[in-house]
Amino acid sequence: MVVDQLSDAELDRLFQAFADTTRRDIMRRVTVGEYSVTGLAALYAMSFAAVQKHVAVLERASLVTKEKRGREQIVRGNHDGLEKARRLLDEYEAIWRQRVARIADILAEELTEE
């Protein structure tokens, strides 16, 4: 299970990264193409430094990578990090589905006993 493979700190970084609208929007953009930090900053009504901090949060969560290209920092989605996040959410969904199935079984048993 991915949950067992990730430390609490890694889980915290993943959920912190996805907890912000701007970071989710940056993720959406960099999964379909690469952007410079300057290019990303032009898309948001906030300072360059603020966008750079959002990118740093995503980078700490291993959701994006940054590469220095000339004077630019190029940001792109990290497929491995996204895959890890997807598997984590799939596991949580499976847990929920098992709980719902157990509740449905209990309700079905109660109906047949009546």
C-alpha atoms as a PDB file:
ATOM      1  CA  MET A   1       0.000   0.000   0.000  1.00  0.00           C
ATOM      2  CA  VAL A   2       1.217   3.479  -0.857  1.00  0.00           C
ATOM      3  CA  VAL A   3      -0.050   4.764   2.485  1.00  0.00           C
ATOM      4  CA  ASP A   4       2.320   2.382   4.245  1.00  0.00           C
ATOM      5  CA  GLN A   5       5.191   3.377   1.962  1.00  0.00           C
ATOM      6  CA  LEU A   6       4.907   7.109   2.580  1.00  0.00           C
ATOM      7  CA  SER A   7       6.091   8.693   5.790  1.00  0.00           C
ATOM      8  CA  ASP A   8       3.794  11.016   7.696  1.00  0.00           C
ATOM      9  CA  ALA A   9       5.923  13.928   6.495  1.00  0.00           C
ATOM     10  CA  GLU A  10       5.477  12.857   2.852  1.00  0.00           C
ATOM     11  CA  LEU A  11       1.716  12.524   3.316  1.00  0.00           C
ATOM     12  CA  ASP A  12       1.607  15.977   4.911  1.00  0.00           C
ATOM     13  CA  ARG A  13       3.540  17.467   1.986  1.00  0.00           C
ATOM     14  CA  LEU A  14       1.182  15.879  -0.558  1.00  0.00           C
ATOM     15  CA  PHE A  15      -1.975  17.076   1.156  1.00  0.00           C
ATOM     16  CA  GLN A  16      -0.478  20.505   1.819  1.00  0.00           C
ATOM     17  CA  ALA A  17       0.344  20.803  -1.874  1.00  0.00           C
ATOM     18  CA  PHE A  18      -3.203  19.953  -2.960  1.00  0.00           C
ATOM     19  CA  ALA A  19      -4.845  22.087  -0.261  1.00  0.00           C
ATOM     20  CA  ASP A  20      -4.440  25.347  -2.160  1.00  0.00           C
ATOM     21  CA  THR A  21      -6.342  26.507  -5.253  1.00  0.00           C
ATOM     22  CA  THR A  22      -3.330  28.178  -6.852  1.00  0.00           C
ATOM     23  CA  ARG A  23      -1.163  25.086  -6.406  1.00  0.00           C
ATOM     24  CA  ARG A  24      -3.851  22.859  -7.915  1.00  0.00           C
ATOM     25  CA  ASP A  25      -4.091  25.258 -10.859  1.00  0.00           C
ATOM     26  CA  ILE A  26      -0.312  25.260 -11.302  1.00  0.00           C
ATOM     27  CA  MET A  27      -0.425  21.439 -11.271  1.00  0.00           C
ATOM     28  CA  ARG A  28      -3.125  21.454 -13.940  1.00  0.00           C
ATOM     29  CA  ARG A  29      -1.001  23.685 -16.144  1.00  0.00           C
ATOM     30  CA  VAL A  30       2.366  21.961 -15.719  1.00  0.00           C
ATOM     31  CA  THR A  31       0.981  18.480 -16.306  1.00  0.00           C
ATOM     32  CA  VAL A  32       0.125  19.451 -19.886  1.00  0.00           C
ATOM     33  CA  GLY A  33       3.161  21.597 -20.597  1.00  0.00           C
ATOM     34  CA  GLU A  34       6.193  23.172 -19.061  1.00  0.00           C
ATOM     35  CA  TYR A  35       6.208  26.724 -17.773  1.00  0.00           C
ATOM     36  CA  SER A  36       8.859  29.031 -16.485  1.00  0.00           C
ATOM     37  CA  VAL A  37       8.251  30.388 -13.009  1.00  0.00           C
ATOM     38  CA  THR A  38       8.108  33.824 -14.624  1.00  0.00           C
ATOM     39  CA  GLY A  39       5.462  32.566 -17.061  1.00  0.00           C
ATOM     40  CA  LEU A  40       3.423  31.120 -14.211  1.00  0.00           C
ATOM     41  CA  ALA A  41       3.738  34.339 -12.227  1.00  0.00           C
ATOM     42  CA  ALA A  42       2.249  36.265 -15.156  1.00  0.00           C
ATOM     43  CA  LEU A  43      -0.921  34.147 -14.865  1.00  0.00           C
ATOM     44  CA  TYR A  44      -1.760  34.987 -11.251  1.00  0.00           C
ATOM     45  CA  ALA A  45      -2.590  38.181  -9.419  1.00  0.00           C
ATOM     46  CA  MET A  46       0.219  37.723  -6.940  1.00  0.00           C
ATOM     47  CA  SER A  47       3.890  38.466  -6.729  1.00  0.00           C
ATOM     48  CA  PHE A  48       6.591  36.411  -8.424  1.00  0.00           C
ATOM     49  CA  ALA A  49       7.869  35.446  -4.975  1.00  0.00           C
ATOM     50  CA  ALA A  50       4.431  34.113  -3.971  1.00  0.00           C
ATOM     51  CA  VAL A  51       4.221  31.953  -7.107  1.00  0.00           C
ATOM     52  CA  GLN A  52       7.771  30.772  -6.496  1.00  0.00           C
ATOM     53  CA  LYS A  53       6.725  29.682  -2.965  1.00  0.00           C
ATOM     54  CA  HIS A  54       3.757  27.751  -4.385  1.00  0.00           C
ATOM     55  CA  VAL A  55       6.088  26.003  -6.831  1.00  0.00           C
ATOM     56  CA  ALA A  56       8.464  25.192  -3.959  1.00  0.00           C
ATOM     57  CA  VAL A  57       5.608  23.540  -2.013  1.00  0.00           C
ATOM     58  CA  LEU A  58       4.767  21.435  -5.077  1.00  0.00           C
ATOM     59  CA  GLU A  59       8.422  20.563  -5.554  1.00  0.00           C
ATOM     60  CA  ARG A  60       8.793  19.462  -1.897  1.00  0.00           C
ATOM     61  CA  ALA A  61       5.803  17.163  -2.432  1.00  0.00           C
ATOM     62  CA  SER A  62       7.578  15.711  -5.525  1.00  0.00           C
ATOM     63  CA  LEU A  63       4.671  16.783  -7.729  1.00  0.00           C
ATOM     64  CA  VAL A  64       6.773  19.037  -9.974  1.00  0.00           C
ATOM     65  CA  THR A  65      10.386  19.308 -10.987  1.00  0.00           C
ATOM     66  CA  LYS A  66      12.325  22.475 -11.699  1.00  0.00           C
ATOM     67  CA  GLU A  67      15.165  22.744 -14.141  1.00  0.00           C
ATOM     68  CA  LYS A  68      17.392  25.732 -14.638  1.00  0.00           C
ATOM     69  CA  ARG A  69      17.469  26.652 -18.316  1.00  0.00           C
ATOM     70  CA  GLY A  70      19.498  29.758 -18.948  1.00  0.00           C
ATOM     71  CA  ARG A  71      18.069  32.451 -16.707  1.00  0.00           C
ATOM     72  CA  GLU A  72      14.729  30.661 -16.340  1.00  0.00           C
ATOM     73  CA  GLN A  73      13.503  28.029 -13.907  1.00  0.00           C
ATOM     74  CA  ILE A  74      11.357  25.616 -15.929  1.00  0.00           C
ATOM     75  CA  VAL A  75       8.587  23.805 -14.033  1.00  0.00           C
ATOM     76  CA  ARG A  76       6.988  20.590 -15.224  1.00  0.00           C
ATOM     77  CA  GLY A  77       4.776  17.957 -13.662  1.00  0.00           C
ATOM     78  CA  ASN A  78       6.535  14.974 -12.115  1.00  0.00           C
ATOM     79  CA  HIS A  79       4.777  11.854 -13.400  1.00  0.00           C
ATOM     80  CA  ASP A  80       6.147   9.654 -10.580  1.00  0.00           C
ATOM     81  CA  GLY A  81       4.917  12.063  -7.899  1.00  0.00           C
ATOM     82  CA  LEU A  82       1.493  12.334  -9.510  1.00  0.00           C
ATOM     83  CA  GLU A  83       1.292   8.556  -9.819  1.00  0.00           C
ATOM     84  CA  LYS A  84       2.105   8.189  -6.122  1.00  0.00           C
ATOM     85  CA  ALA A  85      -0.641  10.705  -5.243  1.00  0.00           C
ATOM     86  CA  ARG A  86      -3.115   8.887  -7.513  1.00  0.00           C
ATOM     87  CA  ARG A  87      -2.374   5.516  -5.895  1.00  0.00           C
ATOM     88  CA  LEU A  88      -2.750   7.070  -2.447  1.00  0.00           C
ATOM     89  CA  LEU A  89      -6.187   8.487  -3.321  1.00  0.00           C
ATOM     90  CA  ASP A  90      -7.176   5.167  -4.931  1.00  0.00           C
ATOM     91  CA  GLU A  91      -6.367   3.418  -1.650  1.00  0.00           C
ATOM     92  CA  TYR A  92      -8.492   5.865   0.329  1.00  0.00           C
ATOM     93  CA  GLU A  93     -11.324   5.357  -2.169  1.00  0.00           C
ATOM     94  CA  ALA A  94     -11.018   1.562  -1.782  1.00  0.00           C
ATOM     95  CA  ILE A  95     -11.255   1.924   2.009  1.00  0.00           C
ATOM     96  CA  TRP A  96     -14.409   4.015   1.621  1.00  0.00           C
ATOM     97  CA  ARG A  97     -15.938   1.557  -0.839  1.00  0.00           C
ATOM     98  CA  GLN A  98     -15.261  -1.321   1.584  1.00  0.00           C
ATOM     99  CA  ARG A  99     -16.957   0.603   4.407  1.00  0.00           C
ATOM    100  CA  VAL A 100     -19.998   1.387   2.253  1.00  0.00           C
ATOM    101  CA  ALA A 101     -20.210  -2.283   1.216  1.00  0.00           C
ATOM    102  CA  ARG A 102     -20.081  -3.376   4.875  1.00  0.00           C
ATOM    103  CA  ILE A 103     -22.858  -0.923   5.770  1.00  0.00           C
ATOM    104  CA  ALA A 104     -24.946  -2.217   2.854  1.00  0.00           C
ATOM    105  CA  ASP A 105     -24.379  -5.810   4.051  1.00  0.00           C
ATOM    106  CA  ILE A 106     -25.449  -4.926   7.599  1.00  0.00           C
ATOM    107  CA  LEU A 107     -28.581  -3.185   6.322  1.00  0.00           C
ATOM    108  CA  ALA A 108     -29.385  -6.154   4.059  1.00  0.00           C
ATOM    109  CA  GLU A 109     -29.008  -8.552   7.012  1.00  0.00           C
ATOM    110  CA  GLU A 110     -31.329  -6.451   9.146  1.00  0.00           C
ATOM    111  CA  LEU A 111     -33.956  -6.396   6.389  1.00  0.00           C
ATOM    112  CA  THR A 112     -33.867 -10.202   5.976  1.00  0.00           C
ATOM    113  CA  GLU A 113     -34.179 -10.701   9.768  1.00  0.00           C
ATOM    114  CA  GLU A 114     -37.346  -8.601   9.911  1.00  0.00           C
END
